[in-house]
Amino acid sequence: MAQSVEEKENQDGNKFQWFLYVIAIPSLFAIVIALVALSILGINIFDTAKDIGGKVPFISQFVKEKKPLSIEEFEKDIISLEAEIKDREAKMEQLQSKVDSKDTQLKRMELEKAQLQAQIEELTAIQEENKRAFREIVKTYETMSAKSAAPIISKMDTEEAVKILKNIKPESLAAIMEKLPAQEAAKYTEILTNETNGN
């Protein structure tokens, strides 16, 4: 009994192998050869199959041919595409205009910055020159005799005189104060004391 089941399975297996080797593989090989031969001859199998499939009632539902577009539809498509191109070109021009505007603005700001930097450098140079000139004036008063410096300071504007007196060395300042009239010496002493205490 066990042998008959095995024999039956072997026979089924042999039938399947026979079907593969004798029918399935040769048929597939023949189809491939036929397709290659027809394509070499210039016959498009797929278009032919589509045509035949379109004529068969049930299969024709699945094989739908695309209708060729009419001239009017082509013209509509062209007009639509041209409008889209023009729209995109307008947007590009707008963006380019914005970029150009930003570039111009940036260049203007860089120019203004350079001008301001030049002004700052010029003012700094003037300030340094003024400081140097003022130091020279103070040095001149320090080298002058107190007898000569006192009358000049008493005729000066109070603010200018205080500025010079504030920067003179203490020994020169004391000598000049001695030679100033008492009232002026008291005035300058008070101003200098207040400024020293204020700082």
Protein backbone atom coordinates (compact mmCIF):
# COMPACT_ATOMS: atom_id res chain seq x y z
CA MET A 1 0.00 0.00 0.00
CA ALA A 2 2.84 2.32 0.95
CA GLN A 3 4.58 1.48 -2.30
CA SER A 4 1.53 2.27 -4.40
CA VAL A 5 1.28 5.78 -2.85
CA GLU A 6 4.97 6.42 -3.62
CA GLU A 7 4.58 5.08 -7.14
CA LYS A 8 1.55 7.34 -7.64
CA GLU A 9 3.55 10.41 -6.42
CA ASN A 10 6.45 9.45 -8.71
CA GLN A 11 4.07 9.14 -11.66
CA ASP A 12 2.51 12.56 -10.85
CA GLY A 13 6.01 14.09 -10.59
CA ASN A 14 7.02 12.43 -13.86
CA LYS A 15 3.91 13.79 -15.62
CA PHE A 16 4.67 17.33 -14.42
CA GLN A 17 8.29 17.09 -15.54
CA TRP A 18 7.17 15.69 -18.88
CA PHE A 19 4.72 18.63 -19.27
CA LEU A 20 7.53 21.16 -18.47
CA TYR A 21 10.14 19.59 -20.74
CA VAL A 22 7.89 18.66 -23.66
CA ILE A 23 5.20 21.39 -23.78
CA ALA A 24 5.90 24.48 -21.57
CA ILE A 25 9.60 25.19 -22.22
CA PRO A 26 9.49 24.54 -26.00
CA SER A 27 6.33 26.69 -26.31
CA LEU A 28 7.98 29.62 -24.46
CA PHE A 29 11.09 29.25 -26.58
CA ALA A 30 8.99 29.25 -29.78
CA ILE A 31 7.14 32.41 -28.65
CA VAL A 32 10.41 34.25 -27.90
CA ILE A 33 11.86 33.23 -31.30
CA ALA A 34 8.64 34.39 -33.02
CA LEU A 35 8.72 37.77 -31.23
CA VAL A 36 12.37 38.34 -32.15
CA ALA A 37 11.76 37.35 -35.77
CA LEU A 38 8.69 39.63 -36.11
CA SER A 39 10.46 42.58 -34.53
CA ILE A 40 13.39 42.08 -36.97
CA LEU A 41 10.88 42.09 -39.84
CA GLY A 42 9.51 45.43 -38.53
CA ILE A 43 6.15 44.16 -37.30
CA ASN A 44 5.09 45.66 -33.97
CA ILE A 45 3.40 42.79 -32.14
CA PHE A 46 2.06 44.94 -29.36
CA ASP A 47 0.22 47.34 -31.69
CA THR A 48 -1.22 44.38 -33.60
CA ALA A 49 -2.33 42.78 -30.31
CA LYS A 50 -3.92 46.08 -29.32
CA ASP A 51 -5.82 46.28 -32.59
CA ILE A 52 -7.07 42.70 -32.27
CA GLY A 53 -7.91 43.23 -28.60
CA GLY A 54 -9.93 46.34 -29.50
CA LYS A 55 -12.11 44.27 -31.82
CA VAL A 56 -12.87 41.52 -29.30
CA PRO A 57 -16.01 42.61 -27.36
CA PHE A 58 -14.98 41.83 -23.78
CA ILE A 59 -11.28 42.75 -24.12
CA SER A 60 -12.03 46.03 -25.95
CA GLN A 61 -13.12 47.59 -22.64
CA PHE A 62 -9.58 47.16 -21.28
CA VAL A 63 -7.78 48.23 -24.44
CA LYS A 64 -8.64 51.91 -24.85
CA GLU A 65 -7.04 53.79 -27.65
CA LYS A 66 -6.04 57.33 -27.02
CA LYS A 67 -7.82 59.66 -29.41
CA PRO A 68 -5.48 61.91 -31.34
CA LEU A 69 -5.85 65.55 -30.32
CA SER A 70 -7.55 67.89 -32.75
CA ILE A 71 -5.83 71.02 -34.08
CA GLU A 72 -8.05 73.20 -31.88
CA GLU A 73 -7.00 71.25 -28.79
CA PHE A 74 -3.35 71.56 -29.82
CA GLU A 75 -3.81 75.33 -30.26
CA LYS A 76 -5.50 75.61 -26.85
CA ASP A 77 -2.61 73.70 -25.28
CA ILE A 78 -0.08 75.93 -27.05
CA ILE A 79 -1.88 79.11 -25.93
CA SER A 80 -2.07 77.79 -22.37
CA LEU A 81 1.64 76.90 -22.35
CA GLU A 82 2.59 80.28 -23.87
CA ALA A 83 0.57 82.07 -21.19
CA GLU A 84 2.31 80.01 -18.51
CA ILE A 85 5.72 80.85 -20.03
CA LYS A 86 4.88 84.58 -20.11
CA ASP A 87 3.66 84.43 -16.51
CA ARG A 88 6.89 82.75 -15.41
CA GLU A 89 8.99 85.25 -17.40
CA ALA A 90 7.13 88.12 -15.70
CA LYS A 91 7.80 86.57 -12.29
CA MET A 92 11.47 86.11 -13.20
CA GLU A 93 11.73 89.76 -14.31
CA GLN A 94 10.06 90.84 -11.08
CA LEU A 95 12.53 88.79 -9.03
CA GLN A 96 15.46 90.09 -11.09
CA SER A 97 14.22 93.65 -10.52
CA LYS A 98 14.11 93.01 -6.77
CA VAL A 99 17.63 91.55 -6.85
CA ASP A 100 18.90 94.56 -8.84
CA SER A 101 17.17 96.94 -6.42
CA LYS A 102 18.77 95.16 -3.45
CA ASP A 103 22.18 95.27 -5.17
CA THR A 104 21.82 99.00 -5.84
CA GLN A 105 20.72 99.61 -2.26
CA LEU A 106 23.65 97.56 -0.95
CA LYS A 107 26.14 99.48 -3.13
CA ARG A 108 24.65 102.79 -1.96
CA MET A 109 24.94 101.70 1.68
CA GLU A 110 28.54 100.58 1.13
CA LEU A 111 29.34 103.95 -0.46
CA GLU A 112 27.70 105.80 2.45
CA LYS A 113 29.64 103.64 4.89
CA ALA A 114 32.91 104.44 3.08
CA GLN A 115 32.07 108.18 3.15
CA LEU A 116 31.23 108.06 6.86
CA GLN A 117 34.44 106.14 7.55
CA ALA A 118 36.41 108.80 5.65
CA GLN A 119 34.68 111.55 7.66
CA ILE A 120 35.45 109.74 10.93
CA GLU A 121 39.10 109.38 9.92
CA GLU A 122 39.23 113.07 8.91
CA LEU A 123 37.62 114.19 12.18
CA THR A 124 39.94 111.93 14.17
CA ALA A 125 42.93 113.42 12.35
CA ILE A 126 41.64 116.96 13.05
CA GLN A 127 41.03 116.05 16.70
CA GLU A 128 44.55 114.62 17.00
CA GLU A 129 45.95 117.76 15.35
CA ASN A 130 43.95 119.97 17.74
CA LYS A 131 45.20 117.96 20.73
CA ARG A 132 48.77 118.25 19.47
CA ALA A 133 48.35 122.00 18.86
CA PHE A 134 46.81 122.44 22.33
CA ARG A 135 49.71 120.51 23.93
CA GLU A 136 52.09 122.86 22.10
CA ILE A 137 50.21 125.89 23.47
CA VAL A 138 50.32 124.48 27.02
CA LYS A 139 54.05 123.76 26.61
CA THR A 140 54.56 127.34 25.41
CA TYR A 141 52.87 128.72 28.55
CA GLU A 142 54.96 126.38 30.71
CA THR A 143 58.19 127.66 29.11
CA MET A 144 57.12 131.33 29.29
CA SER A 145 57.93 133.33 32.34
CA ALA A 146 55.02 133.74 34.75
CA LYS A 147 55.34 137.53 34.38
CA SER A 148 54.70 137.23 30.60
CA ALA A 149 52.02 134.50 30.80
CA ALA A 150 49.84 136.11 33.52
CA PRO A 151 48.75 139.21 31.49
CA ILE A 152 47.90 137.04 28.44
CA ILE A 153 45.76 134.67 30.52
CA SER A 154 43.94 137.55 32.25
CA LYS A 155 42.88 138.90 28.81
CA MET A 156 41.68 135.49 27.57
CA ASP A 157 38.15 134.19 27.58
CA THR A 158 37.55 132.46 30.96
CA GLU A 159 36.80 129.07 29.46
CA GLU A 160 39.95 129.06 27.30
CA ALA A 161 42.08 130.30 30.18
CA VAL A 162 40.75 127.56 32.51
CA LYS A 163 41.41 124.92 29.84
CA ILE A 164 45.07 126.01 29.60
CA LEU A 165 45.53 126.43 33.36
CA LYS A 166 44.10 122.96 33.99
CA ASN A 167 46.77 121.35 31.78
CA ILE A 168 49.81 123.35 32.96
CA LYS A 169 52.26 121.70 35.35
CA PRO A 170 51.55 122.60 39.01
CA GLU A 171 54.79 124.63 39.49
CA SER A 172 54.08 126.74 36.35
CA LEU A 173 50.44 127.17 37.44
CA ALA A 174 51.48 128.41 40.89
CA ALA A 175 53.91 130.92 39.38
CA ILE A 176 51.26 132.26 36.94
CA MET A 177 48.64 132.53 39.73
CA GLU A 178 51.08 134.65 41.78
CA LYS A 179 51.44 137.13 38.92
CA LEU A 180 47.66 137.37 38.22
CA PRO A 181 45.61 140.11 39.91
CA ALA A 182 44.20 138.77 43.20
CA GLN A 183 40.58 138.84 42.03
CA GLU A 184 41.34 136.84 38.85
CA ALA A 185 43.58 134.40 40.70
CA ALA A 186 40.73 133.77 43.18
CA LYS A 187 38.24 133.29 40.32
CA TYR A 188 40.46 130.78 38.48
CA THR A 189 41.34 128.96 41.70
CA GLU A 190 37.65 128.54 42.51
CA ILE A 191 36.83 127.28 38.98
CA LEU A 192 39.76 124.84 38.96
CA THR A 193 38.86 123.57 42.45
CA ASN A 194 35.22 123.02 41.45
CA GLU A 195 36.24 121.19 38.24
CA THR A 196 38.71 119.02 40.15
CA ASN A 197 36.06 118.14 42.77
CA GLY A 198 33.46 117.59 40.02
CA ASN A 199 35.69 115.01 38.31
